[in-house]
């Protein structure tokens, strides 16, 4: 570990050290690796981290630190919050409110977390930091959706499989782009709510069909002219009724399969 910590080239920020099969790390080895000055230090198979090791790794001066830890003590979270770079902790399966409070203070760059830690209280705490990113959620409760609607950071909902009408209403309040490509079904009520989303592009590429009512609602999707990404993407649709095509023709910036684009264009 001591030898590897010296392998970076002092004139190159592109140097990377991947130890992604390492499953154990002693405190002294962590202290040595913390001296590594390359761009990235990756320890994605390291599922446990002592408080002492966390304190050492927080001193890593590279741009990115990737850890596979599934649990993190409050003290370890406090140490890692001091890391001055991109910090990835996407493997966490649980996070106490105290640990979340500590991580919310991370200001070295992006803080990436996985979906398993999402709860009302944790989201509320982490919402203080606009550089927090939550990735890969497949489920979303109505209460968490309401909490996320106030979130200052970003979150990835591309893997979401279901969306309740209440959750759709909450997500429509977001002032950020919204990608829901994992959805294969969308109720008329959810479509009506999402049509009010004004944060940027709205992507629903997982839908293969759309009711006439949902198409009418989504055709009203508009955002501020000051936001450059303003489109509605429905490129997964395989067919449209004439009524739905006529409705969608009213949308100013629409993404569809080429064949459906021609069907919609005849109503413009």
C-alpha atoms as a PDB file:
ATOM      1  CA  UNK A   1       0.000   0.000   0.000  1.00  0.00           C
ATOM      2  CA  UNK A   2       2.826   2.366   0.814  1.00  0.00           C
ATOM      3  CA  UNK A   3       4.525   1.632  -2.520  1.00  0.00           C
ATOM      4  CA  UNK A   4       1.281   1.978  -4.494  1.00  0.00           C
ATOM      5  CA  UNK A   5       0.585   5.341  -2.885  1.00  0.00           C
ATOM      6  CA  UNK A   6       3.690   6.684  -4.631  1.00  0.00           C
ATOM      7  CA  UNK A   7       2.806   5.504  -8.143  1.00  0.00           C
ATOM      8  CA  UNK A   8       1.042   8.680  -9.303  1.00  0.00           C
ATOM      9  CA  UNK A   9       2.770  10.988 -11.724  1.00  0.00           C
ATOM     10  CA  UNK A  10       3.198  14.427 -10.134  1.00  0.00           C
ATOM     11  CA  UNK A  11       2.475  16.179 -13.448  1.00  0.00           C
ATOM     12  CA  UNK A  12      -0.605  14.141 -14.367  1.00  0.00           C
ATOM     13  CA  UNK A  13      -4.047  14.448 -12.789  1.00  0.00           C
ATOM     14  CA  UNK A  14      -5.239  11.592 -14.977  1.00  0.00           C
ATOM     15  CA  UNK A  15      -3.507   8.883 -12.969  1.00  0.00           C
ATOM     16  CA  UNK A  16      -5.910   6.396 -11.342  1.00  0.00           C
ATOM     17  CA  UNK A  17      -5.560   3.594  -8.812  1.00  0.00           C
ATOM     18  CA  UNK A  18      -8.254   0.890  -8.946  1.00  0.00           C
ATOM     19  CA  UNK A  19      -8.260  -1.696  -6.146  1.00  0.00           C
ATOM     20  CA  UNK A  20     -11.815  -2.820  -6.772  1.00  0.00           C
ATOM     21  CA  UNK A  21     -11.365  -6.440  -5.674  1.00  0.00           C
ATOM     22  CA  UNK A  22      -9.887  -5.517  -2.335  1.00  0.00           C
ATOM     23  CA  UNK A  23     -12.278  -6.633   0.429  1.00  0.00           C
ATOM     24  CA  UNK A  24     -10.219  -5.775   3.504  1.00  0.00           C
ATOM     25  CA  UNK A  25      -8.106  -2.752   4.380  1.00  0.00           C
ATOM     26  CA  UNK A  26      -6.071  -2.310   7.538  1.00  0.00           C
ATOM     27  CA  UNK A  27      -5.858   1.066   9.221  1.00  0.00           C
ATOM     28  CA  UNK A  28      -2.182   1.377   8.349  1.00  0.00           C
ATOM     29  CA  UNK A  29      -2.829   0.477   4.681  1.00  0.00           C
ATOM     30  CA  UNK A  30      -5.601   3.082   4.563  1.00  0.00           C
ATOM     31  CA  UNK A  31      -3.202   5.670   5.926  1.00  0.00           C
ATOM     32  CA  UNK A  32      -0.704   4.799   3.201  1.00  0.00           C
ATOM     33  CA  UNK A  33      -3.295   4.901   0.396  1.00  0.00           C
ATOM     34  CA  UNK A  34      -4.508   8.286   1.598  1.00  0.00           C
ATOM     35  CA  UNK A  35      -1.186   9.694   0.370  1.00  0.00           C
ATOM     36  CA  UNK A  36      -1.995   8.732  -3.219  1.00  0.00           C
ATOM     37  CA  UNK A  37      -2.188  11.882  -5.335  1.00  0.00           C
ATOM     38  CA  UNK A  38      -3.662  10.551  -8.588  1.00  0.00           C
ATOM     39  CA  UNK A  39      -7.054  11.586  -9.910  1.00  0.00           C
ATOM     40  CA  UNK A  40      -9.056   8.594  -8.622  1.00  0.00           C
ATOM     41  CA  UNK A  41      -8.758   6.059  -5.815  1.00  0.00           C
ATOM     42  CA  UNK A  42     -11.325   3.274  -6.138  1.00  0.00           C
ATOM     43  CA  UNK A  43     -12.120   0.662  -3.465  1.00  0.00           C
ATOM     44  CA  UNK A  44     -15.551  -0.515  -4.615  1.00  0.00           C
ATOM     45  CA  UNK A  45     -15.417  -3.986  -2.993  1.00  0.00           C
ATOM     46  CA  UNK A  46     -14.492  -2.615   0.398  1.00  0.00           C
ATOM     47  CA  UNK A  47     -17.732  -3.106   2.329  1.00  0.00           C
ATOM     48  CA  UNK A  48     -16.441  -2.261   5.814  1.00  0.00           C
ATOM     49  CA  UNK A  49     -14.408   0.700   6.944  1.00  0.00           C
ATOM     50  CA  UNK A  50     -13.112   1.423  10.430  1.00  0.00           C
ATOM     51  CA  UNK A  51     -13.345   4.906  11.883  1.00  0.00           C
ATOM     52  CA  UNK A  52      -9.565   5.206  11.755  1.00  0.00           C
ATOM     53  CA  UNK A  53      -9.454   4.144   8.076  1.00  0.00           C
ATOM     54  CA  UNK A  54     -12.204   6.633   7.231  1.00  0.00           C
ATOM     55  CA  UNK A  55     -10.253   9.390   8.935  1.00  0.00           C
ATOM     56  CA  UNK A  56      -7.179   8.517   6.872  1.00  0.00           C
ATOM     57  CA  UNK A  57      -8.999   8.236   3.527  1.00  0.00           C
ATOM     58  CA  UNK A  58     -10.701  11.588   4.121  1.00  0.00           C
ATOM     59  CA  UNK A  59      -7.256  13.138   3.615  1.00  0.00           C
ATOM     60  CA  UNK A  60      -6.955  11.711   0.089  1.00  0.00           C
ATOM     61  CA  UNK A  61      -6.055  14.667  -2.141  1.00  0.00           C
ATOM     62  CA  UNK A  62      -7.242  13.233  -5.465  1.00  0.00           C
ATOM     63  CA  UNK A  63     -10.391  14.340  -7.251  1.00  0.00           C
ATOM     64  CA  UNK A  64     -12.422  11.156  -6.720  1.00  0.00           C
ATOM     65  CA  UNK A  65     -12.785   8.568  -3.970  1.00  0.00           C
ATOM     66  CA  UNK A  66     -15.013   5.535  -4.592  1.00  0.00           C
ATOM     67  CA  UNK A  67     -15.929   3.278  -1.654  1.00  0.00           C
ATOM     68  CA  UNK A  68     -18.191   0.214  -1.641  1.00  0.00           C
ATOM     69  CA  UNK A  69     -19.067   0.393   2.067  1.00  0.00           C
ATOM     70  CA  UNK A  70     -22.537  -0.839   2.992  1.00  0.00           C
ATOM     71  CA  UNK A  71     -22.540   0.720   6.465  1.00  0.00           C
ATOM     72  CA  UNK A  72     -20.940   3.825   7.863  1.00  0.00           C
ATOM     73  CA  UNK A  73     -20.650   4.876  11.489  1.00  0.00           C
ATOM     74  CA  UNK A  74     -21.541   8.416  12.470  1.00  0.00           C
ATOM     75  CA  UNK A  75     -17.867   9.123  13.172  1.00  0.00           C
ATOM     76  CA  UNK A  76     -16.743   7.691   9.819  1.00  0.00           C
ATOM     77  CA  UNK A  77     -19.359   9.800   8.033  1.00  0.00           C
ATOM     78  CA  UNK A  78     -18.032  12.842   9.847  1.00  0.00           C
ATOM     79  CA  UNK A  79     -14.507  12.081   8.689  1.00  0.00           C
ATOM     80  CA  UNK A  80     -15.431  11.401   5.063  1.00  0.00           C
ATOM     81  CA  UNK A  81     -17.451  14.631   4.915  1.00  0.00           C
ATOM     82  CA  UNK A  82     -14.097  16.424   5.035  1.00  0.00           C
ATOM     83  CA  UNK A  83     -12.890  14.789   1.809  1.00  0.00           C
ATOM     84  CA  UNK A  84     -12.078  17.542  -0.696  1.00  0.00           C
ATOM     85  CA  UNK A  85     -13.304  15.837  -3.842  1.00  0.00           C
ATOM     86  CA  UNK A  86     -15.983  13.683  -5.450  1.00  0.00           C
ATOM     87  CA  UNK A  87     -17.070  11.033  -2.932  1.00  0.00           C
ATOM     88  CA  UNK A  88     -19.029   7.957  -4.021  1.00  0.00           C
ATOM     89  CA  UNK A  89     -20.838   5.873  -1.390  1.00  0.00           C
ATOM     90  CA  UNK A  90     -23.455   4.242  -3.614  1.00  0.00           C
ATOM     91  CA  UNK A  91     -23.201   0.873  -1.829  1.00  0.00           C
ATOM     92  CA  UNK A  92     -24.629   2.127   1.466  1.00  0.00           C
ATOM     93  CA  UNK A  93     -27.651   0.090   2.543  1.00  0.00           C
ATOM     94  CA  UNK A  94     -28.470   2.166   5.605  1.00  0.00           C
ATOM     95  CA  UNK A  95     -27.590   5.552   7.016  1.00  0.00           C
ATOM     96  CA  UNK A  96     -28.464   7.009  10.403  1.00  0.00           C
ATOM     97  CA  UNK A  97     -29.819  10.528  10.662  1.00  0.00           C
ATOM     98  CA  UNK A  98     -26.618  11.568  12.470  1.00  0.00           C
ATOM     99  CA  UNK A  99     -24.437  10.116   9.696  1.00  0.00           C
ATOM    100  CA  UNK A 100     -26.604  11.849   7.086  1.00  0.00           C
ATOM    101  CA  UNK A 101     -26.216  15.123   8.965  1.00  0.00           C
ATOM    102  CA  UNK A 102     -22.443  14.700   8.847  1.00  0.00           C
ATOM    103  CA  UNK A 103     -22.404  13.815   5.136  1.00  0.00           C
ATOM    104  CA  UNK A 104     -24.627  16.795   4.316  1.00  0.00           C
ATOM    105  CA  UNK A 105     -21.657  18.980   5.268  1.00  0.00           C
ATOM    106  CA  UNK A 106     -19.493  17.505   2.500  1.00  0.00           C
ATOM    107  CA  UNK A 107     -18.489  20.411   0.272  1.00  0.00           C
ATOM    108  CA  UNK A 108     -15.616  18.988  -1.728  1.00  0.00           C
ATOM    109  CA  UNK A 109     -17.725  18.212  -4.802  1.00  0.00           C
ATOM    110  CA  UNK A 110     -20.326  15.610  -5.702  1.00  0.00           C
ATOM    111  CA  UNK A 111     -21.505  13.154  -3.056  1.00  0.00           C
ATOM    112  CA  UNK A 112     -23.053  10.097  -4.736  1.00  0.00           C
ATOM    113  CA  UNK A 113     -25.371   7.834  -2.734  1.00  0.00           C
ATOM    114  CA  UNK A 114     -27.452   4.805  -3.692  1.00  0.00           C
ATOM    115  CA  UNK A 115     -31.222   4.388  -3.284  1.00  0.00           C
ATOM    116  CA  UNK A 116     -31.106   2.113  -0.244  1.00  0.00           C
ATOM    117  CA  UNK A 117     -30.530   4.987   2.177  1.00  0.00           C
ATOM    118  CA  UNK A 118     -33.574   6.967   1.053  1.00  0.00           C
ATOM    119  CA  UNK A 119     -36.026   7.753   3.843  1.00  0.00           C
ATOM    120  CA  UNK A 120     -38.026  10.842   4.735  1.00  0.00           C
ATOM    121  CA  UNK A 121     -35.632  11.977   7.438  1.00  0.00           C
ATOM    122  CA  UNK A 122     -32.431  11.246   5.502  1.00  0.00           C
ATOM    123  CA  UNK A 123     -33.695  13.034   2.372  1.00  0.00           C
ATOM    124  CA  UNK A 124     -34.733  16.011   4.484  1.00  0.00           C
ATOM    125  CA  UNK A 125     -31.242  16.215   5.998  1.00  0.00           C
ATOM    126  CA  UNK A 126     -29.339  15.701   2.752  1.00  0.00           C
ATOM    127  CA  UNK A 127     -31.476  18.269   0.931  1.00  0.00           C
ATOM    128  CA  UNK A 128     -29.265  20.965   2.459  1.00  0.00           C
ATOM    129  CA  UNK A 129     -26.464  20.093   0.048  1.00  0.00           C
ATOM    130  CA  UNK A 130     -27.050  20.792  -3.647  1.00  0.00           C
ATOM    131  CA  UNK A 131     -24.154  18.507  -4.652  1.00  0.00           C
ATOM    132  CA  UNK A 132     -25.721  15.320  -3.267  1.00  0.00           C
ATOM    133  CA  UNK A 133     -26.832  12.852  -5.959  1.00  0.00           C
ATOM    134  CA  UNK A 134     -29.029   9.823  -5.234  1.00  0.00           C
ATOM    135  CA  UNK A 135     -28.942   7.153  -7.930  1.00  0.00           C
ATOM    136  CA  UNK A 136     -30.821   4.022  -8.980  1.00  0.00           C
ATOM    137  CA  UNK A 137     -34.096   4.102  -7.037  1.00  0.00           C
ATOM    138  CA  UNK A 138     -36.565   1.417  -8.202  1.00  0.00           C
ATOM    139  CA  UNK A 139     -39.276   2.267  -5.663  1.00  0.00           C
ATOM    140  CA  UNK A 140     -40.587   5.551  -4.353  1.00  0.00           C
ATOM    141  CA  UNK A 141     -43.093   6.023  -1.544  1.00  0.00           C
ATOM    142  CA  UNK A 142     -45.481   8.950  -1.641  1.00  0.00           C
ATOM    143  CA  UNK A 143     -43.871  10.538   1.420  1.00  0.00           C
ATOM    144  CA  UNK A 144     -40.332  10.250   0.027  1.00  0.00           C
ATOM    145  CA  UNK A 145     -41.515  11.685  -3.302  1.00  0.00           C
ATOM    146  CA  UNK A 146     -42.865  14.684  -1.392  1.00  0.00           C
ATOM    147  CA  UNK A 147     -39.518  15.070   0.385  1.00  0.00           C
ATOM    148  CA  UNK A 148     -37.612  14.796  -2.895  1.00  0.00           C
ATOM    149  CA  UNK A 149     -39.744  17.559  -4.411  1.00  0.00           C
ATOM    150  CA  UNK A 150     -37.879  19.937  -2.068  1.00  0.00           C
ATOM    151  CA  UNK A 151     -34.469  18.375  -2.677  1.00  0.00           C
ATOM    152  CA  UNK A 152     -31.739  20.790  -3.767  1.00  0.00           C
ATOM    153  CA  UNK A 153     -29.463  18.079  -5.137  1.00  0.00           C
ATOM    154  CA  UNK A 154     -30.259  15.661  -7.945  1.00  0.00           C
ATOM    155  CA  UNK A 155     -31.539  12.114  -8.071  1.00  0.00           C
ATOM    156  CA  UNK A 156     -31.767   9.439 -10.714  1.00  0.00           C
ATOM    157  CA  UNK A 157     -35.232   7.971 -11.285  1.00  0.00           C
ATOM    158  CA  UNK A 158     -34.446   6.170 -14.550  1.00  0.00           C
ATOM    159  CA  UNK A 159     -34.855   2.809 -12.768  1.00  0.00           C
ATOM    160  CA  UNK A 160     -38.219   3.615 -11.187  1.00  0.00           C
ATOM    161  CA  UNK A 161     -40.775   0.935 -12.160  1.00  0.00           C
ATOM    162  CA  UNK A 162     -43.976   2.380 -10.728  1.00  0.00           C
ATOM    163  CA  UNK A 163     -45.259   5.856  -9.961  1.00  0.00           C
ATOM    164  CA  UNK A 164     -48.364   6.560  -7.906  1.00  0.00           C
ATOM    165  CA  UNK A 165     -50.611   9.504  -8.721  1.00  0.00           C
ATOM    166  CA  UNK A 166     -49.598  11.180  -5.465  1.00  0.00           C
ATOM    167  CA  UNK A 167     -45.874  10.726  -6.166  1.00  0.00           C
ATOM    168  CA  UNK A 168     -46.343  12.138  -9.673  1.00  0.00           C
ATOM    169  CA  UNK A 169     -47.979  15.227  -8.188  1.00  0.00           C
ATOM    170  CA  UNK A 170     -44.979  15.701  -5.880  1.00  0.00           C
ATOM    171  CA  UNK A 171     -42.360  15.186  -8.587  1.00  0.00           C
ATOM    172  CA  UNK A 172     -44.096  17.696 -10.841  1.00  0.00           C
ATOM    173  CA  UNK A 173     -42.889  20.412  -8.436  1.00  0.00           C
ATOM    174  CA  UNK A 174     -39.228  19.741  -9.236  1.00  0.00           C
ATOM    175  CA  UNK A 175     -37.173  22.569 -10.674  1.00  0.00           C
ATOM    176  CA  UNK A 176     -34.878  20.128 -12.448  1.00  0.00           C
ATOM    177  CA  UNK A 177     -34.984  17.758 -15.401  1.00  0.00           C
ATOM    178  CA  UNK A 178     -37.025  14.626 -14.760  1.00  0.00           C
ATOM    179  CA  UNK A 179     -36.176  11.280 -16.326  1.00  0.00           C
ATOM    180  CA  UNK A 180     -38.663   8.441 -15.726  1.00  0.00           C
ATOM    181  CA  UNK A 181     -37.597   6.058 -18.478  1.00  0.00           C
ATOM    182  CA  UNK A 182     -38.190   2.953 -16.331  1.00  0.00           C
ATOM    183  CA  UNK A 183     -41.961   3.495 -16.267  1.00  0.00           C
ATOM    184  CA  UNK A 184     -43.953   1.277 -18.618  1.00  0.00           C
ATOM    185  CA  UNK A 185     -47.362   2.554 -17.526  1.00  0.00           C
ATOM    186  CA  UNK A 186     -48.689   6.007 -16.701  1.00  0.00           C
ATOM    187  CA  UNK A 187     -52.154   6.769 -15.371  1.00  0.00           C
ATOM    188  CA  UNK A 188     -54.175   9.669 -16.736  1.00  0.00           C
ATOM    189  CA  UNK A 189     -53.969  11.395 -13.347  1.00  0.00           C
ATOM    190  CA  UNK A 190     -50.171  11.008 -13.222  1.00  0.00           C
ATOM    191  CA  UNK A 191     -49.883  12.381 -16.769  1.00  0.00           C
ATOM    192  CA  UNK A 192     -51.979  15.398 -15.760  1.00  0.00           C
ATOM    193  CA  UNK A 193     -49.644  16.051 -12.827  1.00  0.00           C
ATOM    194  CA  UNK A 194     -46.429  15.596 -14.824  1.00  0.00           C
ATOM    195  CA  UNK A 195     -47.700  18.015 -17.465  1.00  0.00           C
ATOM    196  CA  UNK A 196     -47.232  20.751 -14.839  1.00  0.00           C
ATOM    197  CA  UNK A 197     -43.519  19.984 -14.471  1.00  0.00           C
ATOM    198  CA  UNK A 198     -41.500  23.090 -15.384  1.00  0.00           C
ATOM    199  CA  UNK A 199     -37.952  22.116 -14.481  1.00  0.00           C
ATOM    200  CA  UNK A 200     -36.605  21.146 -17.889  1.00  0.00           C
ATOM    201  CA  UNK A 201     -36.961  18.081 -20.062  1.00  0.00           C
ATOM    202  CA  UNK A 202     -39.394  15.338 -19.149  1.00  0.00           C
ATOM    203  CA  UNK A 203     -38.391  11.901 -20.399  1.00  0.00           C
ATOM    204  CA  UNK A 204     -40.855   8.982 -20.480  1.00  0.00           C
ATOM    205  CA  UNK A 205     -39.123   6.763 -23.011  1.00  0.00           C
ATOM    206  CA  UNK A 206     -40.216   3.509 -21.336  1.00  0.00           C
ATOM    207  CA  UNK A 207     -43.864   4.016 -22.258  1.00  0.00           C
ATOM    208  CA  UNK A 208     -45.011   2.005 -25.287  1.00  0.00           C
ATOM    209  CA  UNK A 209     -48.598   3.262 -25.247  1.00  0.00           C
ATOM    210  CA  UNK A 210     -50.401   6.392 -24.150  1.00  0.00           C
ATOM    211  CA  UNK A 211     -54.108   7.013 -23.656  1.00  0.00           C
ATOM    212  CA  UNK A 212     -55.805   9.875 -25.469  1.00  0.00           C
ATOM    213  CA  UNK A 213     -56.373  11.629 -22.146  1.00  0.00           C
ATOM    214  CA  UNK A 214     -52.713  11.272 -21.100  1.00  0.00           C
ATOM    215  CA  UNK A 215     -51.563  12.562 -24.493  1.00  0.00           C
ATOM    216  CA  UNK A 216     -53.834  15.596 -24.143  1.00  0.00           C
ATOM    217  CA  UNK A 217     -52.367  16.327 -20.704  1.00  0.00           C
ATOM    218  CA  UNK A 218     -48.727  15.883 -21.725  1.00  0.00           C
ATOM    219  CA  UNK A 219     -49.210  18.122 -24.744  1.00  0.00           C
ATOM    220  CA  UNK A 220     -49.548  20.995 -22.239  1.00  0.00           C
ATOM    221  CA  UNK A 221     -46.089  20.328 -20.761  1.00  0.00           C
ATOM    222  CA  UNK A 222     -44.208  23.648 -20.798  1.00  0.00           C
ATOM    223  CA  UNK A 223     -41.168  25.080 -19.069  1.00  0.00           C
ATOM    224  CA  UNK A 224     -39.524  28.439 -18.676  1.00  0.00           C
ATOM    225  CA  UNK A 225     -37.877  29.843 -21.789  1.00  0.00           C
ATOM    226  CA  UNK A 226     -34.745  30.399 -19.694  1.00  0.00           C
ATOM    227  CA  UNK A 227     -34.174  26.621 -19.428  1.00  0.00           C
ATOM    228  CA  UNK A 228     -32.374  25.253 -22.501  1.00  0.00           C
ATOM    229  CA  UNK A 229     -33.594  21.657 -22.111  1.00  0.00           C
ATOM    230  CA  UNK A 230     -37.318  21.937 -22.731  1.00  0.00           C
ATOM    231  CA  UNK A 231     -38.375  18.837 -24.583  1.00  0.00           C
ATOM    232  CA  UNK A 232     -40.817  16.025 -23.887  1.00  0.00           C
ATOM    233  CA  UNK A 233     -39.391  12.648 -24.900  1.00  0.00           C
ATOM    234  CA  UNK A 234     -41.703   9.720 -25.700  1.00  0.00           C
ATOM    235  CA  UNK A 235     -39.457   7.805 -28.077  1.00  0.00           C
ATOM    236  CA  UNK A 236     -40.579   4.397 -26.755  1.00  0.00           C
ATOM    237  CA  UNK A 237     -44.154   4.742 -28.027  1.00  0.00           C
ATOM    238  CA  UNK A 238     -44.992   2.166 -30.685  1.00  0.00           C
ATOM    239  CA  UNK A 239     -48.357   3.548 -31.783  1.00  0.00           C
ATOM    240  CA  UNK A 240     -50.677   6.500 -31.320  1.00  0.00           C
ATOM    241  CA  UNK A 241     -54.349   7.018 -31.961  1.00  0.00           C
ATOM    242  CA  UNK A 242     -55.221   9.887 -34.268  1.00  0.00           C
ATOM    243  CA  UNK A 243     -56.650  11.800 -31.298  1.00  0.00           C
ATOM    244  CA  UNK A 244     -53.431  11.340 -29.295  1.00  0.00           C
ATOM    245  CA  UNK A 245     -51.304  12.344 -32.277  1.00  0.00           C
ATOM    246  CA  UNK A 246     -53.363  15.498 -32.750  1.00  0.00           C
ATOM    247  CA  UNK A 247     -52.959  16.392 -29.085  1.00  0.00           C
ATOM    248  CA  UNK A 248     -49.195  15.847 -29.062  1.00  0.00           C
ATOM    249  CA  UNK A 249     -48.817  17.946 -32.202  1.00  0.00           C
ATOM    250  CA  UNK A 250     -49.440  20.971 -29.949  1.00  0.00           C
ATOM    251  CA  UNK A 251     -46.199  20.380 -28.033  1.00  0.00           C
ATOM    252  CA  UNK A 252     -43.388  22.648 -29.213  1.00  0.00           C
ATOM    253  CA  UNK A 253     -40.454  20.282 -28.642  1.00  0.00           C
ATOM    254  CA  UNK A 254     -41.360  16.610 -28.814  1.00  0.00           C
ATOM    255  CA  UNK A 255     -39.191  13.510 -29.190  1.00  0.00           C
ATOM    256  CA  UNK A 256     -40.861  10.502 -30.869  1.00  0.00           C
ATOM    257  CA  UNK A 257     -40.016   7.462 -32.961  1.00  0.00           C
ATOM    258  CA  UNK A 258     -39.525   8.542 -36.587  1.00  0.00           C
ATOM    259  CA  UNK A 259     -42.710   6.842 -37.816  1.00  0.00           C
ATOM    260  CA  UNK A 260     -44.838   8.522 -35.169  1.00  0.00           C
ATOM    261  CA  UNK A 261     -43.233  11.881 -35.856  1.00  0.00           C
ATOM    262  CA  UNK A 262     -44.724  11.756 -39.342  1.00  0.00           C
ATOM    263  CA  UNK A 263     -48.151  10.890 -37.919  1.00  0.00           C
ATOM    264  CA  UNK A 264     -48.006  13.822 -35.506  1.00  0.00           C
ATOM    265  CA  UNK A 265     -46.578  16.231 -38.094  1.00  0.00           C
ATOM    266  CA  UNK A 266     -49.689  16.006 -40.249  1.00  0.00           C
ATOM    267  CA  UNK A 267     -51.667  17.813 -37.542  1.00  0.00           C
ATOM    268  CA  UNK A 268     -49.245  20.720 -37.226  1.00  0.00           C
END
